[in-house]
Structures are given as C-alpha cells and as structure tokens.
Amino acid sequence: MRGLAAFRRSLANDRGATGAEFAMVLPLALIFLLGIIDAGRYLYTINQGQKAVQVGARYAAVTDIMPASLINYSFVVSGGITQGDKVTTADFTAYECTGSGSAVACTCETGGTCNFSMTTDATDNTNFNAMFDRMQLMMPSLTEDEVRVRYENSLLGYAGDPNGPDIAPFITVSVENATFTPISLVLFGVSVPLPMLSHTLTMEDGRGTNSY
C-alpha cells in the first residue's frame, strides 16, 4: 500500500513540469524569433540591392560606354546611315555586358543587331570594376558575376554625332541570381534566392570616368 501511495504522489508531483514545458517550447520560440530577424534581414538585403543598381545605373550613364570601341564607332562611315539620321533598331538593338574576375564581356542580344565590335579591352574592365566597386558599397555581399549592364536602343542620338557616341541608349543595371542566407538555415547551408533588381537611365554623354 505504501508503494502504491508513493506512486500516486509521484504522479501528482508537478514540480518539474515547468522546466519540461520550457524545454519543449524553447526551440519553437527560437525558430520563430530567428524567422522574424531573417525576414527583416531579407528585406534589408533587397533594399541594399535596389540602392546598388541605382548607383550602378547612374555611374554607367555618365561614364564611358562599354565596349569603349563604340565611342569612336561611326554609323555614318561604317554603318552607311545618313549624317544626322537616327540609328534605328535595324542598325542597333541591344547588348549586355557582364563581369567575371578581371574580364568584362559584351554580347549582342539574341536575334538583335549590333553592327559594331563587341570586343572589350582593359578600359572596359576598368570601367566595369569601378562601377561594381561603387555598387558594392551599397551591397557588400554583391559579386561581379551577379551584375549585368544592358544597353538598349532608345532611338535618341543621331548618326555622326561629333561630340560622343552616335547612340544614347537606355542603360539598365541589374543584379541577378543573388542569394540570401537566413540565420535560421545557416547550419544547413541553405540560401534563398533574391528577386532580380534593376534600374534604368538614359545614357548622357558616354564619356568620362567620374559620376560625381
């Protein structure tokens, strides 16, 4: 009987219940807290990326166009367009430049027309890296291979312009394929993709090395 009574008293004893309940709830509370922090960090990283593309587009719009060979390309002499006429989409559509390491590469849009050299040189590498460095001030986690610079015909400018490139394209700087690593998933090596971010401006004179 004494053993049965002791057993009943042990069942009624709830002195350790609070600790057990806390141990059960703590992991869920931590996951919830980290989730809130990660949501804020995710939105903050997106904001960093948006600022980065704005700064990058501004830099690209007021400095040397890439590839640098396009600065001296004449749509009159080499393209057969009448002096003073617009450069139409039949003569130039769009192209994109990307960076990786110390080299920048420019390629014409698939199905588009780019009747000028896409060959890049050391000047283009310098220009791209300078733009990237400015962007990275806004978004430290950014890498060169995530940055794209697109030049698209805006039908502005004219063939034979003596003061700069014959074209004044729309310049879109974008951040693509960037990822975000949540604190709550860092131990699992899981990253979350960021949305593509971009900003567009019209090129100004296409010459120079300073955006201030």
Protein backbone atom coordinates (compact mmCIF):
# COMPACT_ATOMS: atom_id res chain seq x y z
CA MET A 1 0.00 0.00 0.00
CA ARG A 2 2.82 2.35 0.85
CA GLY A 3 4.34 1.74 -2.58
CA LEU A 4 1.04 2.49 -4.28
CA ALA A 5 0.62 5.69 -2.28
CA ALA A 6 4.13 6.80 -3.18
CA PHE A 7 3.43 6.10 -6.82
CA ARG A 8 0.26 8.19 -6.67
CA ARG A 9 2.14 11.04 -5.02
CA SER A 10 4.82 10.96 -7.75
CA LEU A 11 2.13 11.22 -10.41
CA ALA A 12 0.66 14.25 -8.68
CA ASN A 13 4.06 15.96 -8.32
CA ASP A 14 4.35 18.74 -10.95
CA ARG A 15 7.47 20.47 -9.68
CA GLY A 16 9.43 19.65 -12.88
CA ALA A 17 6.60 20.38 -15.30
CA THR A 18 7.59 23.99 -15.90
CA GLY A 19 11.13 23.06 -16.88
CA ALA A 20 9.93 20.33 -19.21
CA GLU A 21 7.42 22.63 -20.87
CA PHE A 22 10.08 25.33 -21.29
CA ALA A 23 12.45 22.83 -22.91
CA MET A 24 9.72 21.84 -25.36
CA VAL A 25 8.72 25.41 -26.26
CA LEU A 26 12.23 26.93 -26.43
CA PRO A 27 13.22 25.50 -29.87
CA LEU A 28 9.97 26.71 -31.40
CA ALA A 29 10.39 30.15 -29.82
CA LEU A 30 13.96 30.41 -31.15
CA ILE A 31 12.89 29.41 -34.66
CA PHE A 32 10.10 32.00 -34.54
CA LEU A 33 12.49 34.71 -33.30
CA LEU A 34 15.13 33.89 -35.90
CA GLY A 35 12.43 33.85 -38.56
CA ILE A 36 11.42 37.42 -37.65
CA ILE A 37 15.07 38.52 -37.75
CA ASP A 38 15.63 36.78 -41.10
CA ALA A 39 12.55 38.43 -42.61
CA GLY A 40 13.93 41.83 -41.66
CA ARG A 41 17.40 40.96 -42.98
CA TYR A 42 15.91 39.68 -46.24
CA LEU A 43 14.03 42.93 -46.86
CA TYR A 44 17.09 44.94 -45.87
CA THR A 45 19.24 43.00 -48.36
CA ILE A 46 16.71 43.68 -51.12
CA ASN A 47 16.87 47.38 -50.24
CA GLN A 48 20.67 47.23 -50.42
CA GLY A 49 20.41 45.65 -53.88
CA GLN A 50 17.98 48.30 -55.10
CA LYS A 51 20.33 51.06 -53.96
CA ALA A 52 23.22 49.24 -55.64
CA VAL A 53 21.54 49.10 -59.06
CA GLN A 54 20.52 52.77 -58.79
CA VAL A 55 24.12 53.77 -58.08
CA GLY A 56 25.38 51.45 -60.82
CA ALA A 57 22.99 52.82 -63.44
CA ARG A 58 23.95 56.39 -62.55
CA TYR A 59 27.64 55.54 -62.87
CA ALA A 60 27.16 53.75 -66.19
CA ALA A 61 25.01 56.57 -67.61
CA VAL A 62 27.60 59.31 -67.12
CA THR A 63 30.88 57.45 -67.73
CA ASP A 64 32.49 55.67 -70.67
CA ILE A 65 30.16 53.38 -72.58
CA MET A 66 31.14 49.71 -72.83
CA PRO A 67 32.68 48.50 -75.05
CA ALA A 68 34.97 51.52 -75.35
CA SER A 69 35.37 50.90 -79.10
CA LEU A 70 31.78 52.08 -79.56
CA ILE A 71 32.75 55.63 -78.54
CA ASN A 72 34.53 56.17 -81.85
CA TYR A 73 32.30 53.95 -84.00
CA SER A 74 30.62 55.93 -86.78
CA PHE A 75 27.23 54.76 -88.02
CA VAL A 76 27.80 57.09 -90.99
CA VAL A 77 31.20 55.84 -92.10
CA SER A 78 30.85 52.20 -91.03
CA GLY A 79 27.07 51.81 -90.88
CA GLY A 80 26.03 53.65 -94.02
CA ILE A 81 23.48 55.87 -92.24
CA THR A 82 23.00 59.43 -93.47
CA GLN A 83 24.60 62.09 -91.28
CA GLY A 84 22.08 63.36 -88.74
CA ASP A 85 19.63 60.45 -89.10
CA LYS A 86 18.51 58.28 -86.20
CA VAL A 87 20.16 54.96 -85.53
CA THR A 88 17.19 52.60 -85.83
CA THR A 89 16.69 49.20 -84.24
CA ALA A 90 17.62 47.68 -87.60
CA ASP A 91 21.13 49.05 -87.06
CA PHE A 92 21.35 48.53 -83.32
CA THR A 93 19.03 46.63 -80.99
CA ALA A 94 20.59 45.85 -77.62
CA TYR A 95 23.56 44.18 -75.98
CA GLU A 96 24.61 43.19 -72.49
CA CYS A 97 27.90 43.33 -70.61
CA THR A 98 28.81 41.09 -67.69
CA GLY A 99 31.82 40.91 -65.44
CA SER A 100 33.70 37.97 -64.01
CA GLY A 101 37.01 38.33 -62.25
CA SER A 102 39.15 40.85 -64.13
CA ALA A 103 37.39 40.50 -67.51
CA VAL A 104 34.19 42.05 -68.82
CA ALA A 105 32.37 40.56 -71.82
CA CYS A 106 29.74 42.18 -74.03
CA THR A 107 27.38 40.19 -76.25
CA CYS A 108 24.69 41.26 -78.67
CA GLU A 109 21.10 40.40 -77.80
CA THR A 110 19.99 37.12 -79.32
CA GLY A 111 18.24 37.90 -82.61
CA GLY A 112 19.30 41.55 -82.36
CA THR A 113 21.61 43.68 -84.47
CA CYS A 114 24.92 45.12 -83.31
CA ASN A 115 26.93 46.25 -86.34
CA PHE A 116 29.97 47.19 -84.31
CA SER A 117 32.67 45.36 -82.43
CA MET A 118 31.76 43.66 -79.15
CA THR A 119 35.45 43.23 -78.31
CA THR A 120 36.34 44.60 -74.88
CA ASP A 121 39.67 45.83 -73.59
CA ALA A 122 41.42 46.96 -70.41
CA THR A 123 39.46 50.23 -70.42
CA ASP A 124 36.18 48.30 -70.28
CA ASN A 125 37.49 46.17 -67.41
CA THR A 126 38.44 49.31 -65.52
CA ASN A 127 35.04 50.91 -66.15
CA PHE A 128 33.11 47.83 -65.09
CA ASN A 129 35.19 47.33 -61.96
CA ALA A 130 34.80 50.98 -60.98
CA MET A 131 31.02 50.69 -61.36
CA PHE A 132 30.99 47.42 -59.43
CA ASP A 133 33.06 48.90 -56.60
CA ARG A 134 30.53 51.71 -56.29
CA MET A 135 27.67 49.21 -56.19
CA GLN A 136 29.40 47.05 -53.61
CA LEU A 137 29.49 50.00 -51.23
CA MET A 138 25.69 49.71 -51.17
CA MET A 139 25.57 45.91 -51.13
CA PRO A 140 28.75 44.37 -49.67
CA SER A 141 27.64 40.80 -50.44
CA LEU A 142 27.43 41.52 -54.18
CA THR A 143 29.72 39.64 -56.58
CA GLU A 144 30.76 40.66 -60.09
CA ASP A 145 29.07 37.72 -61.81
CA GLU A 146 25.70 38.88 -60.42
CA VAL A 147 25.88 42.26 -62.20
CA ARG A 148 24.51 42.89 -65.72
CA VAL A 149 24.66 46.09 -67.77
CA ARG A 150 22.25 46.24 -70.70
CA TYR A 151 22.40 48.87 -73.44
CA GLU A 152 19.17 49.15 -75.46
CA ASN A 153 18.37 51.42 -78.40
CA SER A 154 16.29 54.37 -77.25
CA LEU A 155 16.15 55.98 -80.74
CA LEU A 156 17.87 59.00 -79.20
CA GLY A 157 21.06 60.47 -80.59
CA TYR A 158 21.97 60.64 -84.26
CA ALA A 159 24.45 59.21 -86.71
CA GLY A 160 27.67 61.17 -87.00
CA ASP A 161 27.44 62.92 -83.62
CA PRO A 162 30.81 64.74 -83.30
CA ASN A 163 30.62 65.03 -79.51
CA GLY A 164 30.24 61.43 -78.45
CA PRO A 165 28.78 58.03 -79.38
CA ASP A 166 26.16 58.07 -82.14
CA ILE A 167 23.70 56.34 -79.80
CA ALA A 168 22.21 57.35 -76.46
CA PRO A 169 20.84 54.01 -75.25
CA PHE A 170 18.75 53.09 -72.26
CA ILE A 171 21.15 51.63 -69.71
CA THR A 172 19.77 49.02 -67.33
CA VAL A 173 21.97 47.81 -64.50
CA SER A 174 20.63 44.71 -62.81
CA VAL A 175 21.53 42.27 -60.06
CA GLU A 176 20.57 38.70 -60.95
CA ASN A 177 20.97 35.29 -59.32
CA ALA A 178 21.95 36.80 -55.96
CA THR A 179 21.11 34.79 -52.84
CA PHE A 180 20.41 35.39 -49.17
CA THR A 181 21.40 33.02 -46.34
CA PRO A 182 18.96 33.04 -43.38
CA ILE A 183 20.44 32.72 -39.89
CA SER A 184 17.91 30.01 -39.12
CA LEU A 185 19.20 27.87 -42.01
CA VAL A 186 22.91 28.70 -41.97
CA LEU A 187 23.81 25.36 -40.36
CA PHE A 188 22.12 23.56 -43.23
CA GLY A 189 23.88 25.61 -45.92
CA VAL A 190 20.54 26.72 -47.38
CA SER A 191 20.28 30.01 -49.30
CA VAL A 192 17.19 31.82 -50.55
CA PRO A 193 17.20 33.50 -54.00
CA LEU A 194 16.75 37.25 -54.11
CA PRO A 195 14.44 38.75 -56.76
CA MET A 196 16.06 40.31 -59.82
CA LEU A 197 16.67 44.01 -59.15
CA SER A 198 17.22 46.62 -61.88
CA HIS A 199 17.32 50.33 -62.58
CA THR A 200 17.26 52.12 -65.95
CA LEU A 201 18.60 55.51 -67.04
CA THR A 202 19.32 57.09 -70.41
CA MET A 203 22.99 57.47 -71.26
CA GLU A 204 24.25 61.02 -71.12
CA ASP A 205 27.49 61.75 -72.99
CA GLY A 206 29.05 58.27 -72.80
CA ARG A 207 32.43 59.71 -71.93
CA GLY A 208 34.30 60.21 -68.70
CA THR A 209 35.40 58.28 -65.65
CA ASN A 210 33.64 60.13 -62.83
CA SER A 211 29.97 60.07 -61.82
CA TYR A 212 30.05 62.97 -59.37
